[in-house]
Amino acid sequence: MRLTAITSTMNRTACIMLPCLAICLAQCSSGPVTSGPLPPPPAATAVSGAIRPGDVLTISFAGEADLTQQTRVDWNGMINLPILAAEGGAEIKAAGLSPAALASRISSLAKQNKMLVDARAQVLVTEFAGQAYAVLGQVTQPGRYTFQRGLPPRLPIEEAIALAGGYTRLARQSQVLVKRGSNVYVVDLEKLASQPGHPPAIIIPGDVITVNERRF
């Protein structure tokens, strides 16, 4: 009887402690845990459809098939075009520009370098870099999700969870963790749902959402 009582007590203690483990681990490894709401997202400065770091570009010149080049935008937003300079190539800021604006800039540089008399560059984005967030824990389809290209990478947290298939029956909607940078925020989505006028919690690229398991 005594062993049964001890085992029962241990099981109850485990049930109480386990739901808090995710928060404790996040606090120890990632920085302070704070309550919601999430900080407002930074203003989007890039124009819709702008080139981003990680994009792969194909650059060509009208009537000059042998000058076609493919290059990836590095994480500083730069590309290197050896065809524009005799030695060492030429670095150009590409991120933030539209393909048409970058093509115009390359054409101007080609004319300045006297590479072509009538330089008409064309820029095509052949591979898009993904801007993603992750949804983990008690959702139907946990995983990594990408924001739609050409639209601001912003999404209400409820929509992000819906895209992951919605909650499982074990989800604790009052305690959803959002890791952003070195901070972890606790967002009470049950409370937000009951306050229609409350500012929404917005997810941005790099966020990791974890839906905790509810207590029984």
N, C-alpha and C. Protein backbone atom coordinates (compact mmCIF):
# COMPACT_ATOMS: atom_id res chain seq x y z
N MET A 1 0.83 -1.20 0.00
CA MET A 1 0.00 0.00 0.00
C MET A 1 0.87 1.25 0.00
N ARG A 2 1.97 1.22 0.83
CA ARG A 2 2.82 2.39 0.91
C ARG A 2 3.49 2.66 -0.44
N LEU A 3 3.95 1.56 -1.14
CA LEU A 3 4.59 1.72 -2.44
C LEU A 3 3.61 2.30 -3.46
N THR A 4 2.36 1.84 -3.41
CA THR A 4 1.34 2.36 -4.32
C THR A 4 1.10 3.84 -4.09
N ALA A 5 1.07 4.26 -2.85
CA ALA A 5 0.85 5.66 -2.52
C ALA A 5 2.00 6.52 -3.00
N ILE A 6 3.23 6.02 -2.79
CA ILE A 6 4.39 6.78 -3.24
C ILE A 6 4.39 6.93 -4.75
N THR A 7 4.08 5.82 -5.47
CA THR A 7 4.04 5.86 -6.94
C THR A 7 2.98 6.83 -7.44
N SER A 8 1.82 6.81 -6.79
CA SER A 8 0.74 7.72 -7.18
C SER A 8 1.15 9.17 -6.99
N THR A 9 1.83 9.45 -5.86
CA THR A 9 2.29 10.81 -5.59
C THR A 9 3.29 11.26 -6.64
N MET A 10 4.23 10.36 -7.01
CA MET A 10 5.22 10.69 -8.03
C MET A 10 4.57 10.97 -9.37
N ASN A 11 3.57 10.19 -9.74
CA ASN A 11 2.88 10.39 -11.02
C ASN A 11 2.18 11.75 -11.05
N ARG A 12 1.54 12.13 -9.92
CA ARG A 12 0.86 13.42 -9.87
C ARG A 12 1.86 14.56 -10.00
N THR A 13 3.02 14.39 -9.34
CA THR A 13 4.06 15.42 -9.43
C THR A 13 4.57 15.57 -10.85
N ALA A 14 4.75 14.43 -11.54
CA ALA A 14 5.22 14.48 -12.93
C ALA A 14 4.22 15.18 -13.82
N CYS A 15 2.94 14.93 -13.60
CA CYS A 15 1.90 15.56 -14.42
C CYS A 15 1.90 17.07 -14.25
N ILE A 16 2.25 17.53 -13.02
CA ILE A 16 2.29 18.96 -12.77
C ILE A 16 3.52 19.59 -13.39
N MET A 17 4.66 18.87 -13.30
CA MET A 17 5.93 19.45 -13.70
C MET A 17 6.16 19.43 -15.20
N LEU A 18 5.73 18.39 -15.90
CA LEU A 18 6.07 18.24 -17.32
C LEU A 18 5.57 19.39 -18.19
N PRO A 19 4.34 19.89 -18.03
CA PRO A 19 3.92 21.01 -18.88
C PRO A 19 4.77 22.26 -18.72
N CYS A 20 5.44 22.40 -17.54
CA CYS A 20 6.29 23.58 -17.32
C CYS A 20 7.69 23.40 -17.86
N LEU A 21 8.05 22.16 -18.23
CA LEU A 21 9.42 21.89 -18.64
C LEU A 21 9.82 22.67 -19.87
N ALA A 22 8.90 22.79 -20.85
CA ALA A 22 9.25 23.51 -22.09
C ALA A 22 9.59 24.96 -21.80
N ILE A 23 8.84 25.60 -20.89
CA ILE A 23 9.11 26.98 -20.55
C ILE A 23 10.44 27.11 -19.84
N CYS A 24 10.73 26.20 -18.90
CA CYS A 24 11.97 26.26 -18.15
C CYS A 24 13.17 26.09 -19.07
N LEU A 25 13.08 25.12 -19.99
CA LEU A 25 14.18 24.89 -20.92
C LEU A 25 14.38 26.10 -21.83
N ALA A 26 13.26 26.66 -22.29
CA ALA A 26 13.38 27.83 -23.16
C ALA A 26 14.01 29.00 -22.41
N GLN A 27 13.65 29.14 -21.14
CA GLN A 27 14.18 30.25 -20.37
C GLN A 27 15.67 30.08 -20.13
N CYS A 28 16.11 28.86 -19.89
CA CYS A 28 17.52 28.62 -19.60
C CYS A 28 18.38 28.73 -20.84
N SER A 29 17.85 28.30 -21.99
CA SER A 29 18.69 28.22 -23.18
C SER A 29 18.55 29.42 -24.10
N SER A 30 17.43 30.11 -24.05
CA SER A 30 17.19 31.12 -25.07
C SER A 30 17.08 32.53 -24.54
N GLY A 31 16.98 32.68 -23.24
CA GLY A 31 16.82 34.03 -22.73
C GLY A 31 15.54 34.13 -21.92
N PRO A 32 15.13 35.32 -21.56
CA PRO A 32 13.99 35.48 -20.66
C PRO A 32 12.68 35.08 -21.31
N VAL A 33 11.82 34.48 -20.49
CA VAL A 33 10.46 34.19 -20.93
C VAL A 33 9.57 35.29 -20.40
N THR A 34 8.75 35.85 -21.26
CA THR A 34 7.87 36.93 -20.86
C THR A 34 6.46 36.65 -21.37
N SER A 35 5.48 37.32 -20.81
CA SER A 35 4.12 37.13 -21.27
C SER A 35 3.89 37.94 -22.53
N GLY A 36 2.80 37.61 -23.27
CA GLY A 36 2.47 38.36 -24.47
C GLY A 36 1.96 39.74 -24.11
N PRO A 37 1.64 40.60 -25.03
CA PRO A 37 1.68 40.29 -26.45
C PRO A 37 3.09 40.36 -27.02
N LEU A 38 3.25 39.77 -28.19
CA LEU A 38 4.52 39.87 -28.89
C LEU A 38 4.81 41.33 -29.24
N PRO A 39 6.09 41.70 -29.31
CA PRO A 39 6.41 43.04 -29.79
C PRO A 39 5.89 43.23 -31.21
N PRO A 40 5.50 44.43 -31.59
CA PRO A 40 5.03 44.64 -32.96
C PRO A 40 6.14 44.33 -33.95
N PRO A 41 5.80 43.81 -35.12
CA PRO A 41 6.84 43.48 -36.10
C PRO A 41 7.52 44.73 -36.62
N PRO A 42 8.79 44.61 -36.99
CA PRO A 42 9.48 45.77 -37.57
C PRO A 42 8.84 46.17 -38.89
N ALA A 43 8.96 47.43 -39.24
CA ALA A 43 8.39 47.91 -40.49
C ALA A 43 9.07 47.23 -41.66
N ALA A 44 8.27 46.80 -42.64
CA ALA A 44 8.81 46.17 -43.84
C ALA A 44 9.35 47.26 -44.76
N THR A 45 10.66 47.21 -45.01
CA THR A 45 11.27 48.25 -45.83
C THR A 45 11.43 47.82 -47.28
N ALA A 46 11.48 46.52 -47.52
CA ALA A 46 11.69 46.05 -48.89
C ALA A 46 10.39 46.16 -49.68
N VAL A 47 10.50 46.54 -50.92
CA VAL A 47 9.31 46.62 -51.76
C VAL A 47 8.86 45.23 -52.14
N SER A 48 7.56 45.09 -52.44
CA SER A 48 7.02 43.80 -52.84
C SER A 48 7.72 43.30 -54.10
N GLY A 49 8.17 42.04 -54.06
CA GLY A 49 8.85 41.46 -55.21
C GLY A 49 10.32 41.79 -55.28
N ALA A 50 10.86 42.44 -54.23
CA ALA A 50 12.26 42.81 -54.25
C ALA A 50 13.14 41.58 -54.09
N ILE A 51 14.35 41.68 -54.61
CA ILE A 51 15.35 40.62 -54.49
C ILE A 51 15.77 40.53 -53.02
N ARG A 52 15.98 39.29 -52.54
CA ARG A 52 16.36 39.07 -51.15
C ARG A 52 17.64 38.26 -51.08
N PRO A 53 18.37 38.36 -49.95
CA PRO A 53 19.52 37.48 -49.76
C PRO A 53 19.11 36.01 -49.90
N GLY A 54 19.93 35.24 -50.59
CA GLY A 54 19.62 33.84 -50.82
C GLY A 54 18.97 33.55 -52.17
N ASP A 55 18.40 34.58 -52.81
CA ASP A 55 17.83 34.40 -54.15
C ASP A 55 18.93 34.05 -55.15
N VAL A 56 18.58 33.22 -56.13
CA VAL A 56 19.50 32.91 -57.22
C VAL A 56 19.04 33.70 -58.46
N LEU A 57 19.97 34.44 -59.06
CA LEU A 57 19.66 35.29 -60.20
C LEU A 57 20.36 34.77 -61.46
N THR A 58 19.66 34.84 -62.58
CA THR A 58 20.27 34.62 -63.88
C THR A 58 20.36 35.97 -64.58
N ILE A 59 21.58 36.37 -64.91
CA ILE A 59 21.82 37.68 -65.53
C ILE A 59 22.32 37.47 -66.95
N SER A 60 21.66 38.10 -67.88
CA SER A 60 22.03 37.95 -69.29
C SER A 60 22.02 39.32 -69.97
N PHE A 61 22.60 39.36 -71.16
CA PHE A 61 22.62 40.58 -71.96
C PHE A 61 22.04 40.27 -73.33
N ALA A 62 21.16 41.14 -73.81
CA ALA A 62 20.51 40.93 -75.10
C ALA A 62 21.56 40.78 -76.20
N GLY A 63 21.45 39.66 -76.94
CA GLY A 63 22.36 39.41 -78.06
C GLY A 63 23.74 38.94 -77.67
N GLU A 64 23.96 38.66 -76.38
CA GLU A 64 25.29 38.23 -75.91
C GLU A 64 25.12 36.98 -75.05
N ALA A 65 24.80 35.87 -75.68
CA ALA A 65 24.52 34.63 -74.94
C ALA A 65 25.70 34.15 -74.11
N ASP A 66 26.92 34.42 -74.56
CA ASP A 66 28.11 33.93 -73.86
C ASP A 66 28.39 34.68 -72.56
N LEU A 67 27.68 35.79 -72.31
CA LEU A 67 27.88 36.57 -71.09
C LEU A 67 26.85 36.23 -70.01
N THR A 68 25.99 35.27 -70.27
CA THR A 68 24.98 34.88 -69.27
C THR A 68 25.65 34.30 -68.03
N GLN A 69 25.18 34.72 -66.87
CA GLN A 69 25.78 34.28 -65.61
C GLN A 69 24.69 34.02 -64.59
N GLN A 70 24.90 32.99 -63.76
CA GLN A 70 23.99 32.73 -62.65
C GLN A 70 24.74 32.97 -61.35
N THR A 71 24.10 33.66 -60.43
CA THR A 71 24.76 33.99 -59.17
C THR A 71 23.73 34.01 -58.04
N ARG A 72 24.20 33.72 -56.83
CA ARG A 72 23.32 33.77 -55.66
C ARG A 72 23.62 35.04 -54.85
N VAL A 73 22.58 35.70 -54.41
CA VAL A 73 22.73 36.88 -53.57
C VAL A 73 23.22 36.43 -52.20
N ASP A 74 24.36 36.99 -51.76
CA ASP A 74 24.89 36.54 -50.47
C ASP A 74 24.10 37.16 -49.32
N TRP A 75 24.46 36.79 -48.08
CA TRP A 75 23.65 37.21 -46.94
C TRP A 75 23.88 38.66 -46.54
N ASN A 76 24.81 39.32 -47.25
CA ASN A 76 24.94 40.77 -47.11
C ASN A 76 24.17 41.50 -48.21
N GLY A 77 23.49 40.73 -49.07
CA GLY A 77 22.70 41.34 -50.14
C GLY A 77 23.49 41.66 -51.39
N MET A 78 24.73 41.15 -51.49
CA MET A 78 25.60 41.50 -52.60
C MET A 78 25.68 40.36 -53.63
N ILE A 79 26.00 40.73 -54.88
CA ILE A 79 26.34 39.76 -55.91
C ILE A 79 27.68 40.17 -56.52
N ASN A 80 28.39 39.19 -57.07
CA ASN A 80 29.68 39.46 -57.71
C ASN A 80 29.57 39.09 -59.18
N LEU A 81 29.89 40.05 -60.04
CA LEU A 81 29.80 39.83 -61.48
C LEU A 81 31.18 40.02 -62.12
N PRO A 82 31.93 38.94 -62.28
CA PRO A 82 33.27 39.04 -62.88
C PRO A 82 33.24 39.64 -64.29
N ILE A 83 32.12 39.50 -64.99
CA ILE A 83 32.06 39.98 -66.37
C ILE A 83 32.11 41.50 -66.45
N LEU A 84 31.89 42.18 -65.32
CA LEU A 84 31.87 43.65 -65.35
C LEU A 84 33.23 44.29 -65.08
N ALA A 85 34.23 43.49 -64.73
CA ALA A 85 35.55 44.06 -64.45
C ALA A 85 36.62 43.09 -64.91
N ALA A 86 37.72 43.64 -65.36
CA ALA A 86 38.80 42.81 -65.88
C ALA A 86 39.44 41.98 -64.78
N GLU A 87 39.53 42.53 -63.57
CA GLU A 87 40.19 41.83 -62.47
C GLU A 87 39.30 41.88 -61.22
N GLY A 88 39.07 40.70 -60.67
CA GLY A 88 38.37 40.63 -59.38
C GLY A 88 36.87 40.77 -59.44
N GLY A 89 36.31 41.09 -60.57
CA GLY A 89 34.87 41.20 -60.66
C GLY A 89 34.35 42.49 -60.06
N ALA A 90 33.06 42.60 -59.98
CA ALA A 90 32.43 43.80 -59.44
C ALA A 90 31.32 43.38 -58.48
N GLU A 91 31.36 43.91 -57.28
CA GLU A 91 30.31 43.64 -56.30
C GLU A 91 29.21 44.69 -56.42
N ILE A 92 27.98 44.22 -56.43
CA ILE A 92 26.83 45.11 -56.57
C ILE A 92 25.81 44.76 -55.51
N LYS A 93 25.22 45.78 -54.90
CA LYS A 93 24.13 45.58 -53.96
C LYS A 93 22.87 45.21 -54.73
N ALA A 94 22.34 44.00 -54.47
CA ALA A 94 21.17 43.52 -55.20
C ALA A 94 19.93 43.46 -54.32
N ALA A 95 20.09 43.11 -53.05
CA ALA A 95 18.94 42.96 -52.16
C ALA A 95 18.20 44.28 -52.01
N GLY A 96 16.88 44.21 -52.06
CA GLY A 96 16.05 45.40 -51.93
C GLY A 96 15.66 46.02 -53.25
N LEU A 97 16.35 45.64 -54.33
CA LEU A 97 16.01 46.15 -55.65
C LEU A 97 15.07 45.19 -56.36
N SER A 98 14.27 45.72 -57.26
CA SER A 98 13.48 44.86 -58.13
C SER A 98 14.40 44.31 -59.22
N PRO A 99 14.05 43.18 -59.86
CA PRO A 99 14.89 42.69 -60.96
C PRO A 99 15.11 43.74 -62.04
N ALA A 100 14.08 44.54 -62.35
CA ALA A 100 14.23 45.57 -63.38
C ALA A 100 15.21 46.65 -62.96
N ALA A 101 15.16 47.06 -61.69
CA ALA A 101 16.08 48.09 -61.20
C ALA A 101 17.52 47.58 -61.20
N LEU A 102 17.70 46.32 -60.81
CA LEU A 102 19.05 45.75 -60.84
C LEU A 102 19.56 45.64 -62.26
N ALA A 103 18.71 45.24 -63.18
CA ALA A 103 19.11 45.14 -64.59
C ALA A 103 19.56 46.49 -65.12
N SER A 104 18.85 47.56 -64.75
CA SER A 104 19.21 48.90 -65.18
C SER A 104 20.57 49.29 -64.63
N ARG A 105 20.81 48.93 -63.37
CA ARG A 105 22.09 49.28 -62.75
C ARG A 105 23.24 48.52 -63.42
N ILE A 106 23.03 47.24 -63.71
CA ILE A 106 24.06 46.44 -64.37
C ILE A 106 24.34 46.98 -65.77
N SER A 107 23.30 47.37 -66.48
CA SER A 107 23.48 47.94 -67.81
C SER A 107 24.34 49.20 -67.75
N SER A 108 24.08 50.06 -66.75
CA SER A 108 24.86 51.29 -66.61
C SER A 108 26.32 50.99 -66.32
N LEU A 109 26.57 50.01 -65.44
CA LEU A 109 27.95 49.65 -65.11
C LEU A 109 28.67 49.07 -66.32
N ALA A 110 27.96 48.26 -67.09
CA ALA A 110 28.57 47.66 -68.28
C ALA A 110 28.97 48.74 -69.29
N LYS A 111 28.15 49.77 -69.41
CA LYS A 111 28.48 50.87 -70.33
C LYS A 111 29.66 51.68 -69.79
N GLN A 112 29.67 51.94 -68.47
CA GLN A 112 30.77 52.68 -67.87
C GLN A 112 32.10 51.95 -68.04
N ASN A 113 32.06 50.63 -67.92
CA ASN A 113 33.28 49.82 -68.05
C ASN A 113 33.64 49.54 -69.50
N LYS A 114 32.81 50.06 -70.41
CA LYS A 114 33.04 49.88 -71.85
C LYS A 114 33.10 48.41 -72.24
N MET A 115 32.29 47.61 -71.50
CA MET A 115 32.22 46.19 -71.82
C MET A 115 31.39 45.97 -73.08
N LEU A 116 30.27 46.72 -73.16
CA LEU A 116 29.39 46.65 -74.31
C LEU A 116 28.98 48.07 -74.69
N VAL A 117 28.88 48.31 -75.98
CA VAL A 117 28.46 49.64 -76.45
C VAL A 117 27.00 49.87 -76.11
N ASP A 118 26.18 48.86 -76.35
CA ASP A 118 24.74 48.97 -76.09
C ASP A 118 24.35 47.85 -75.13
N ALA A 119 24.70 48.02 -73.86
CA ALA A 119 24.44 46.98 -72.86
C ALA A 119 22.98 47.01 -72.42
N ARG A 120 22.30 45.89 -72.58
CA ARG A 120 20.91 45.75 -72.14
C ARG A 120 20.79 44.49 -71.30
N ALA A 121 20.98 44.66 -70.00
CA ALA A 121 20.96 43.52 -69.09
C ALA A 121 19.53 43.09 -68.77
N GLN A 122 19.40 41.81 -68.48
CA GLN A 122 18.13 41.25 -68.02
C GLN A 122 18.41 40.43 -66.77
N VAL A 123 17.54 40.55 -65.78
CA VAL A 123 17.71 39.82 -64.52
C VAL A 123 16.45 39.00 -64.27
N LEU A 124 16.67 37.71 -64.01
CA LEU A 124 15.56 36.81 -63.72
C LEU A 124 15.86 36.08 -62.42
N VAL A 125 14.90 36.11 -61.49
CA VAL A 125 15.05 35.36 -60.25
C VAL A 125 14.65 33.92 -60.54
N THR A 126 15.63 33.02 -60.55
CA THR A 126 15.37 31.63 -60.90
C THR A 126 15.16 30.74 -59.68
N GLU A 127 15.50 31.24 -58.50
CA GLU A 127 15.26 30.47 -57.27
C GLU A 127 15.04 31.46 -56.15
N PHE A 128 13.92 31.33 -55.47
CA PHE A 128 13.58 32.26 -54.41
C PHE A 128 14.05 31.74 -53.06
N ALA A 129 14.62 32.62 -52.26
CA ALA A 129 14.97 32.27 -50.89
C ALA A 129 13.70 32.25 -50.04
N GLY A 130 13.58 31.26 -49.20
CA GLY A 130 12.39 31.15 -48.37
C GLY A 130 12.49 31.99 -47.11
N GLN A 131 11.40 32.62 -46.72
CA GLN A 131 11.28 33.29 -45.44
C GLN A 131 10.26 32.50 -44.65
N ALA A 132 10.72 31.85 -43.59
CA ALA A 132 9.88 30.83 -42.97
C ALA A 132 9.72 31.05 -41.47
N TYR A 133 8.75 30.32 -40.92
CA TYR A 133 8.55 30.21 -39.49
C TYR A 133 8.26 28.74 -39.21
N ALA A 134 8.32 28.34 -37.96
CA ALA A 134 8.08 26.93 -37.60
C ALA A 134 6.95 26.85 -36.59
N VAL A 135 6.18 25.78 -36.68
CA VAL A 135 5.10 25.50 -35.72
C VAL A 135 5.34 24.10 -35.16
N LEU A 136 5.48 24.01 -33.84
CA LEU A 136 5.80 22.75 -33.19
C LEU A 136 4.78 22.45 -32.09
N GLY A 137 4.87 21.26 -31.54
CA GLY A 137 4.02 20.90 -30.41
C GLY A 137 2.67 20.35 -30.83
N GLN A 138 1.64 20.76 -30.10
CA GLN A 138 0.32 20.17 -30.25
C GLN A 138 -0.48 20.82 -31.39
N VAL A 139 0.02 20.59 -32.62
CA VAL A 139 -0.71 20.96 -33.84
C VAL A 139 -0.75 19.73 -34.73
N THR A 140 -1.68 19.73 -35.68
CA THR A 140 -1.87 18.54 -36.51
C THR A 140 -0.71 18.29 -37.46
N GLN A 141 -0.14 19.36 -38.01
CA GLN A 141 0.94 19.20 -38.98
C GLN A 141 2.12 20.10 -38.59
N PRO A 142 2.89 19.70 -37.56
CA PRO A 142 4.04 20.52 -37.17
C PRO A 142 5.08 20.55 -38.29
N GLY A 143 5.78 21.67 -38.40
CA GLY A 143 6.79 21.75 -39.44
C GLY A 143 7.18 23.20 -39.71
N ARG A 144 7.90 23.35 -40.82
CA ARG A 144 8.40 24.66 -41.24
C ARG A 144 7.51 25.18 -42.36
N TYR A 145 7.09 26.44 -42.26
CA TYR A 145 6.19 27.02 -43.24
C TYR A 145 6.79 28.30 -43.81
N THR A 146 6.54 28.55 -45.10
CA THR A 146 7.12 29.69 -45.79
C THR A 146 6.06 30.75 -46.06
N PHE A 147 6.42 32.01 -45.84
CA PHE A 147 5.53 33.11 -46.18
C PHE A 147 5.37 33.20 -47.70
N GLN A 148 4.21 33.67 -48.11
CA GLN A 148 3.94 33.77 -49.54
C GLN A 148 4.80 34.84 -50.19
N ARG A 149 5.42 34.48 -51.31
CA ARG A 149 6.30 35.42 -52.02
C ARG A 149 5.51 36.61 -52.55
N GLY A 150 6.09 37.79 -52.47
CA GLY A 150 5.46 38.98 -53.01
C GLY A 150 4.56 39.70 -52.03
N LEU A 151 4.31 39.10 -50.85
CA LEU A 151 3.50 39.73 -49.82
C LEU A 151 4.37 39.99 -48.60
N PRO A 152 4.02 40.98 -47.78
CA PRO A 152 4.81 41.22 -46.57
C PRO A 152 4.85 39.96 -45.71
N PRO A 153 6.02 39.57 -45.20
CA PRO A 153 6.13 38.34 -44.40
C PRO A 153 5.61 38.56 -42.98
N ARG A 154 4.32 38.68 -42.87
CA ARG A 154 3.65 38.92 -41.60
C ARG A 154 2.41 38.02 -41.56
N LEU A 155 2.10 37.45 -40.39
CA LEU A 155 0.95 36.55 -40.29
C LEU A 155 0.46 36.52 -38.85
N PRO A 156 -0.86 36.71 -38.62
CA PRO A 156 -1.38 36.54 -37.27
C PRO A 156 -1.10 35.12 -36.78
N ILE A 157 -0.80 34.97 -35.51
CA ILE A 157 -0.41 33.67 -35.00
C ILE A 157 -1.52 32.62 -35.16
N GLU A 158 -2.78 33.07 -35.09
CA GLU A 158 -3.89 32.13 -35.27
C GLU A 158 -3.86 31.53 -36.68
N GLU A 159 -3.54 32.35 -37.69
CA GLU A 159 -3.48 31.85 -39.06
C GLU A 159 -2.30 30.90 -39.24
N ALA A 160 -1.17 31.23 -38.59
CA ALA A 160 0.00 30.36 -38.67
C ALA A 160 -0.32 28.97 -38.12
N ILE A 161 -1.05 28.92 -37.00
CA ILE A 161 -1.43 27.64 -36.42
C ILE A 161 -2.45 26.92 -37.29
N ALA A 162 -3.38 27.69 -37.88
CA ALA A 162 -4.37 27.08 -38.78
C ALA A 162 -3.70 26.44 -39.99
N LEU A 163 -2.67 27.10 -40.53
CA LEU A 163 -1.95 26.53 -41.67
C LEU A 163 -1.21 25.25 -41.29
N ALA A 164 -0.93 25.09 -40.00
CA ALA A 164 -0.30 23.86 -39.52
C ALA A 164 -1.33 22.81 -39.13
N GLY A 165 -2.56 22.98 -39.61
CA GLY A 165 -3.60 21.98 -39.38
C GLY A 165 -4.44 22.23 -38.15
N GLY A 166 -4.14 23.28 -37.41
CA GLY A 166 -4.92 23.57 -36.21
C GLY A 166 -4.44 22.77 -35.01
N TYR A 167 -5.11 23.00 -33.88
CA TYR A 167 -4.72 22.36 -32.63
C TYR A 167 -5.10 20.88 -32.59
N THR A 168 -4.34 20.10 -31.82
CA THR A 168 -4.76 18.76 -31.46
C THR A 168 -5.67 18.87 -30.24
N ARG A 169 -6.26 17.76 -29.84
CA ARG A 169 -7.16 17.79 -28.67
C ARG A 169 -6.38 18.02 -27.37
N LEU A 170 -5.06 17.87 -27.42
CA LEU A 170 -4.25 18.05 -26.22
C LEU A 170 -3.66 19.46 -26.10
N ALA A 171 -3.96 20.32 -27.07
CA ALA A 171 -3.33 21.64 -27.10
C ALA A 171 -3.78 22.50 -25.94
N ARG A 172 -2.82 23.21 -25.39
CA ARG A 172 -3.11 24.18 -24.32
C ARG A 172 -3.06 25.57 -24.94
N GLN A 173 -4.20 26.05 -25.38
CA GLN A 173 -4.24 27.31 -26.13
C GLN A 173 -3.92 28.53 -25.27
N SER A 174 -3.99 28.37 -23.97
CA SER A 174 -3.69 29.49 -23.09
C SER A 174 -2.19 29.67 -22.86
N GLN A 175 -1.39 28.74 -23.38
CA GLN A 175 0.06 28.83 -23.17
C GLN A 175 0.79 28.40 -24.45
N VAL A 176 0.91 29.36 -25.37
CA VAL A 176 1.61 29.13 -26.64
C VAL A 176 2.92 29.91 -26.58
N LEU A 177 4.03 29.22 -26.82
CA LEU A 177 5.33 29.87 -26.77
C LEU A 177 5.72 30.36 -28.15
N VAL A 178 6.31 31.53 -28.21
CA VAL A 178 6.87 32.05 -29.46
C VAL A 178 8.31 32.47 -29.19
N LYS A 179 9.24 31.77 -29.82
CA LYS A 179 10.65 32.12 -29.69
C LYS A 179 11.00 33.08 -30.81
N ARG A 180 11.52 34.24 -30.43
CA ARG A 180 11.94 35.26 -31.40
C ARG A 180 13.31 35.77 -30.98
N GLY A 181 14.30 35.48 -31.79
CA GLY A 181 15.65 35.86 -31.41
C GLY A 181 16.06 35.13 -30.15
N SER A 182 16.51 35.88 -29.15
CA SER A 182 16.94 35.26 -27.90
C SER A 182 15.86 35.27 -26.83
N ASN A 183 14.65 35.70 -27.17
CA ASN A 183 13.56 35.78 -26.21
C ASN A 183 12.47 34.77 -26.53
N VAL A 184 11.77 34.34 -25.48
CA VAL A 184 10.62 33.45 -25.63
C VAL A 184 9.42 34.12 -24.97
N TYR A 185 8.33 34.25 -25.72
CA TYR A 185 7.13 34.91 -25.23
C TYR A 185 6.03 33.88 -25.02
N VAL A 186 5.24 34.07 -23.96
CA VAL A 186 4.08 33.22 -23.70
C VAL A 186 2.84 33.98 -24.11
N VAL A 187 2.09 33.43 -25.05
CA VAL A 187 0.91 34.10 -25.58
C VAL A 187 -0.34 33.29 -25.20
N ASP A 188 -1.30 33.95 -24.60
CA ASP A 188 -2.56 33.32 -24.20
C ASP A 188 -3.57 33.52 -25.34
N LEU A 189 -3.70 32.52 -26.21
CA LEU A 189 -4.59 32.66 -27.36
C LEU A 189 -6.06 32.49 -26.97
N GLU A 190 -6.33 31.84 -25.87
CA GLU A 190 -7.71 31.78 -25.38
C GLU A 190 -8.17 33.18 -24.98
N LYS A 191 -7.30 33.92 -24.33
CA LYS A 191 -7.64 35.27 -23.91
C LYS A 191 -7.79 36.19 -25.11
N LEU A 192 -6.87 36.06 -26.09
CA LEU A 192 -6.96 36.89 -27.29
C LEU A 192 -8.25 36.63 -28.06
N ALA A 193 -8.68 35.36 -28.10
CA ALA A 193 -9.90 35.01 -28.82
C ALA A 193 -11.14 35.63 -28.17
N SER A 194 -11.07 35.87 -26.87
CA SER A 194 -12.22 36.45 -26.16
C SER A 194 -12.20 37.97 -26.16
N GLN A 195 -11.16 38.56 -26.77
CA GLN A 195 -11.04 40.02 -26.83
C GLN A 195 -10.87 40.44 -28.29
N PRO A 196 -11.98 40.57 -29.04
CA PRO A 196 -11.90 40.87 -30.47
C PRO A 196 -11.14 42.14 -30.81
N GLY A 197 -11.15 43.13 -29.93
CA GLY A 197 -10.48 44.38 -30.23
C GLY A 197 -9.01 44.40 -29.86
N HIS A 198 -8.51 43.31 -29.31
CA HIS A 198 -7.12 43.27 -28.86
C HIS A 198 -6.19 43.19 -30.06
N PRO A 199 -5.07 43.92 -30.05
CA PRO A 199 -4.12 43.84 -31.18
C PRO A 199 -3.65 42.40 -31.39
N PRO A 200 -3.59 41.95 -32.64
CA PRO A 200 -3.20 40.56 -32.90
C PRO A 200 -1.71 40.33 -32.62
N ALA A 201 -1.38 39.09 -32.32
CA ALA A 201 0.02 38.69 -32.19
C ALA A 201 0.50 38.30 -33.59
N ILE A 202 1.52 38.97 -34.08
CA ILE A 202 1.97 38.80 -35.46
C ILE A 202 3.27 38.00 -35.51
N ILE A 203 3.29 37.00 -36.38
CA ILE A 203 4.47 36.16 -36.60
C ILE A 203 5.29 36.73 -37.75
N ILE A 204 6.62 36.71 -37.59
CA ILE A 204 7.53 37.19 -38.63
C ILE A 204 8.55 36.10 -38.94
N PRO A 205 9.33 36.23 -40.02
CA PRO A 205 10.32 35.21 -40.36
C PRO A 205 11.27 34.91 -39.20
N GLY A 206 11.52 33.62 -39.01
CA GLY A 206 12.42 33.17 -37.95
C GLY A 206 11.74 32.79 -36.67
N ASP A 207 10.46 33.16 -36.50
CA ASP A 207 9.73 32.81 -35.28
C ASP A 207 9.52 31.29 -35.19
N VAL A 208 9.55 30.78 -33.96
CA VAL A 208 9.24 29.37 -33.71
C VAL A 208 8.10 29.32 -32.71
N ILE A 209 6.97 28.78 -33.15
CA ILE A 209 5.77 28.67 -32.31
C ILE A 209 5.72 27.26 -31.72
N THR A 210 5.52 27.16 -30.42
CA THR A 210 5.36 25.86 -29.77
C THR A 210 4.06 25.86 -28.99
N VAL A 211 3.14 24.98 -29.36
CA VAL A 211 1.87 24.85 -28.65
C VAL A 211 2.05 23.78 -27.59
N ASN A 212 1.97 24.18 -26.32
CA ASN A 212 2.17 23.25 -25.21
C ASN A 212 1.00 22.27 -25.07
N GLU A 213 1.27 21.20 -24.34
CA GLU A 213 0.22 20.23 -24.01
C GLU A 213 -0.49 20.68 -22.75
N ARG A 214 -1.81 20.54 -22.75
CA ARG A 214 -2.56 21.02 -21.60
C ARG A 214 -2.43 20.05 -20.43
N ARG A 215 -2.69 20.56 -19.24
CA ARG A 215 -2.66 19.75 -18.02
C ARG A 215 -3.98 19.03 -17.83
N PHE A 216 -3.90 17.91 -17.16
CA PHE A 216 -5.12 17.15 -16.86
C PHE A 216 -5.27 17.00 -15.37
